[in-house]
Amino acid sequence: MSRFQLRKSVHINLAKSTHSELRILLFKKGLSMQEVIEYFSVHLVEGDEYLNNLLDEIEYNKKVAKSTKQISSVDAESIFDAIKEDNPLGDSNA
């Protein structure tokens, strides 16, 4: 079996500053991004408690951000509705 049949590639997007800082950090330690991502991935799927707790934190933060975003759009609509109803200048269409 060829190497390509045994491995999968992954493409990720990082903020430019995050990518730069990560490269510098890893370069100082003599590590490649490939080595680090593979190490984390293997330990994550093997049930590393610390990494799984980080996943739980990411999941929680994503849910909070999503619910906050939903609340914000509802609040914005309510604010605009209240402004229309209580406009001290009256209806501009009248």
C-alpha atoms as a PDB file:
ATOM      1  CA  MET A   1       0.000   0.000   0.000  1.00  0.00           C
ATOM      2  CA  SER A   2       1.354   3.427  -0.909  1.00  0.00           C
ATOM      3  CA  ARG A   3       1.932   6.230   1.587  1.00  0.00           C
ATOM      4  CA  PHE A   4      -1.016   8.139   0.064  1.00  0.00           C
ATOM      5  CA  GLN A   5      -3.390   5.286   0.816  1.00  0.00           C
ATOM      6  CA  LEU A   6      -2.341   5.262   4.479  1.00  0.00           C
ATOM      7  CA  ARG A   7      -2.448   8.996   5.182  1.00  0.00           C
ATOM      8  CA  LYS A   8      -4.910  11.857   4.780  1.00  0.00           C
ATOM      9  CA  SER A   9      -4.041  15.524   4.410  1.00  0.00           C
ATOM     10  CA  VAL A  10      -5.789  18.335   6.238  1.00  0.00           C
ATOM     11  CA  HIS A  11      -5.961  21.986   5.265  1.00  0.00           C
ATOM     12  CA  ILE A  12      -6.672  24.573   7.949  1.00  0.00           C
ATOM     13  CA  ASN A  13      -6.928  28.352   7.906  1.00  0.00           C
ATOM     14  CA  LEU A  14      -5.321  30.360  10.681  1.00  0.00           C
ATOM     15  CA  ALA A  15      -5.139  34.070  11.245  1.00  0.00           C
ATOM     16  CA  LYS A  16      -1.897  35.370   9.756  1.00  0.00           C
ATOM     17  CA  SER A  17      -0.587  36.464  13.155  1.00  0.00           C
ATOM     18  CA  THR A  18      -1.463  33.118  14.770  1.00  0.00           C
ATOM     19  CA  HIS A  19       0.274  31.235  11.960  1.00  0.00           C
ATOM     20  CA  SER A  20       3.400  33.384  12.265  1.00  0.00           C
ATOM     21  CA  GLU A  21       3.605  33.095  16.041  1.00  0.00           C
ATOM     22  CA  LEU A  22       3.015  29.343  15.911  1.00  0.00           C
ATOM     23  CA  ARG A  23       5.749  28.889  13.309  1.00  0.00           C
ATOM     24  CA  ILE A  24       8.192  30.891  15.423  1.00  0.00           C
ATOM     25  CA  LEU A  25       7.319  28.964  18.584  1.00  0.00           C
ATOM     26  CA  LEU A  26       7.682  25.604  16.876  1.00  0.00           C
ATOM     27  CA  PHE A  27      10.854  26.622  15.051  1.00  0.00           C
ATOM     28  CA  LYS A  28      12.478  27.501  18.384  1.00  0.00           C
ATOM     29  CA  LYS A  29      11.642  23.998  19.619  1.00  0.00           C
ATOM     30  CA  GLY A  30      12.760  22.280  16.400  1.00  0.00           C
ATOM     31  CA  LEU A  31       9.244  21.049  15.626  1.00  0.00           C
ATOM     32  CA  SER A  32       7.117  21.183  12.519  1.00  0.00           C
ATOM     33  CA  MET A  33       3.414  21.968  12.408  1.00  0.00           C
ATOM     34  CA  GLN A  34       2.893  18.483  10.990  1.00  0.00           C
ATOM     35  CA  GLU A  35       4.541  16.853  14.011  1.00  0.00           C
ATOM     36  CA  VAL A  36       2.560  18.911  16.503  1.00  0.00           C
ATOM     37  CA  ILE A  37      -0.848  18.496  14.837  1.00  0.00           C
ATOM     38  CA  GLU A  38      -0.302  14.769  14.396  1.00  0.00           C
ATOM     39  CA  TYR A  39       0.818  14.385  18.033  1.00  0.00           C
ATOM     40  CA  PHE A  40      -2.242  16.258  19.309  1.00  0.00           C
ATOM     41  CA  SER A  41      -4.559  14.321  16.999  1.00  0.00           C
ATOM     42  CA  VAL A  42      -3.243  10.924  18.080  1.00  0.00           C
ATOM     43  CA  HIS A  43      -3.479  11.782  21.763  1.00  0.00           C
ATOM     44  CA  LEU A  44      -6.915  13.289  21.356  1.00  0.00           C
ATOM     45  CA  VAL A  45      -8.394  10.185  19.728  1.00  0.00           C
ATOM     46  CA  GLU A  46      -6.643   7.993  22.298  1.00  0.00           C
ATOM     47  CA  GLY A  47      -8.626   9.803  25.007  1.00  0.00           C
ATOM     48  CA  ASP A  48      -6.097  12.226  26.488  1.00  0.00           C
ATOM     49  CA  GLU A  49      -8.049  13.833  29.342  1.00  0.00           C
ATOM     50  CA  TYR A  50      -6.442  17.276  29.075  1.00  0.00           C
ATOM     51  CA  LEU A  51      -7.016  17.536  25.306  1.00  0.00           C
ATOM     52  CA  ASN A  52     -10.587  16.275  25.641  1.00  0.00           C
ATOM     53  CA  ASN A  53     -11.214  18.952  28.287  1.00  0.00           C
ATOM     54  CA  LEU A  54      -9.911  21.537  25.806  1.00  0.00           C
ATOM     55  CA  LEU A  55     -12.385  20.180  23.228  1.00  0.00           C
ATOM     56  CA  ASP A  56     -15.191  20.536  25.773  1.00  0.00           C
ATOM     57  CA  GLU A  57     -14.115  24.148  26.348  1.00  0.00           C
ATOM     58  CA  ILE A  58     -14.105  24.869  22.605  1.00  0.00           C
ATOM     59  CA  GLU A  59     -17.549  23.275  22.254  1.00  0.00           C
ATOM     60  CA  TYR A  60     -18.911  25.350  25.149  1.00  0.00           C
ATOM     61  CA  ASN A  61     -17.446  28.592  23.795  1.00  0.00           C
ATOM     62  CA  LYS A  62     -18.924  27.881  20.369  1.00  0.00           C
ATOM     63  CA  LYS A  63     -22.389  27.326  21.855  1.00  0.00           C
ATOM     64  CA  VAL A  64     -22.158  30.498  23.963  1.00  0.00           C
ATOM     65  CA  ALA A  65     -20.996  32.552  20.976  1.00  0.00           C
ATOM     66  CA  LYS A  66     -23.818  31.153  18.833  1.00  0.00           C
ATOM     67  CA  SER A  67     -26.490  31.856  21.431  1.00  0.00           C
ATOM     68  CA  THR A  68     -25.079  35.343  22.027  1.00  0.00           C
ATOM     69  CA  LYS A  69     -25.167  36.047  18.292  1.00  0.00           C
ATOM     70  CA  GLN A  70     -28.786  34.868  18.079  1.00  0.00           C
ATOM     71  CA  ILE A  71     -29.776  37.028  21.050  1.00  0.00           C
ATOM     72  CA  SER A  72     -28.019  40.031  19.546  1.00  0.00           C
ATOM     73  CA  SER A  73     -29.947  39.867  16.276  1.00  0.00           C
ATOM     74  CA  VAL A  74     -33.261  39.503  18.145  1.00  0.00           C
ATOM     75  CA  ASP A  75     -32.324  42.407  20.430  1.00  0.00           C
ATOM     76  CA  ALA A  76     -31.425  44.577  17.438  1.00  0.00           C
ATOM     77  CA  GLU A  77     -34.847  43.967  15.876  1.00  0.00           C
ATOM     78  CA  SER A  78     -36.559  44.776  19.182  1.00  0.00           C
ATOM     79  CA  ILE A  79     -34.582  47.995  19.546  1.00  0.00           C
ATOM     80  CA  PHE A  80     -35.512  49.162  16.050  1.00  0.00           C
ATOM     81  CA  ASP A  81     -39.165  48.287  16.658  1.00  0.00           C
ATOM     82  CA  ALA A  82     -39.133  50.275  19.912  1.00  0.00           C
ATOM     83  CA  ILE A  83     -37.564  53.265  18.168  1.00  0.00           C
ATOM     84  CA  LYS A  84     -40.287  53.195  15.496  1.00  0.00           C
ATOM     85  CA  GLU A  85     -43.039  53.057  18.119  1.00  0.00           C
ATOM     86  CA  ASP A  86     -41.635  55.731  20.427  1.00  0.00           C
ATOM     87  CA  ASN A  87     -40.169  58.100  17.854  1.00  0.00           C
ATOM     88  CA  PRO A  88     -40.432  61.577  19.444  1.00  0.00           C
ATOM     89  CA  LEU A  89     -40.250  63.206  16.020  1.00  0.00           C
ATOM     90  CA  GLY A  90     -43.382  61.444  14.898  1.00  0.00           C
ATOM     91  CA  ASP A  91     -43.922  59.411  11.757  1.00  0.00           C
ATOM     92  CA  SER A  92     -41.777  60.839   8.982  1.00  0.00           C
ATOM     93  CA  ASN A  93     -44.247  59.477   6.399  1.00  0.00           C
ATOM     94  CA  ALA A  94     -47.194  61.514   7.678  1.00  0.00           C
END
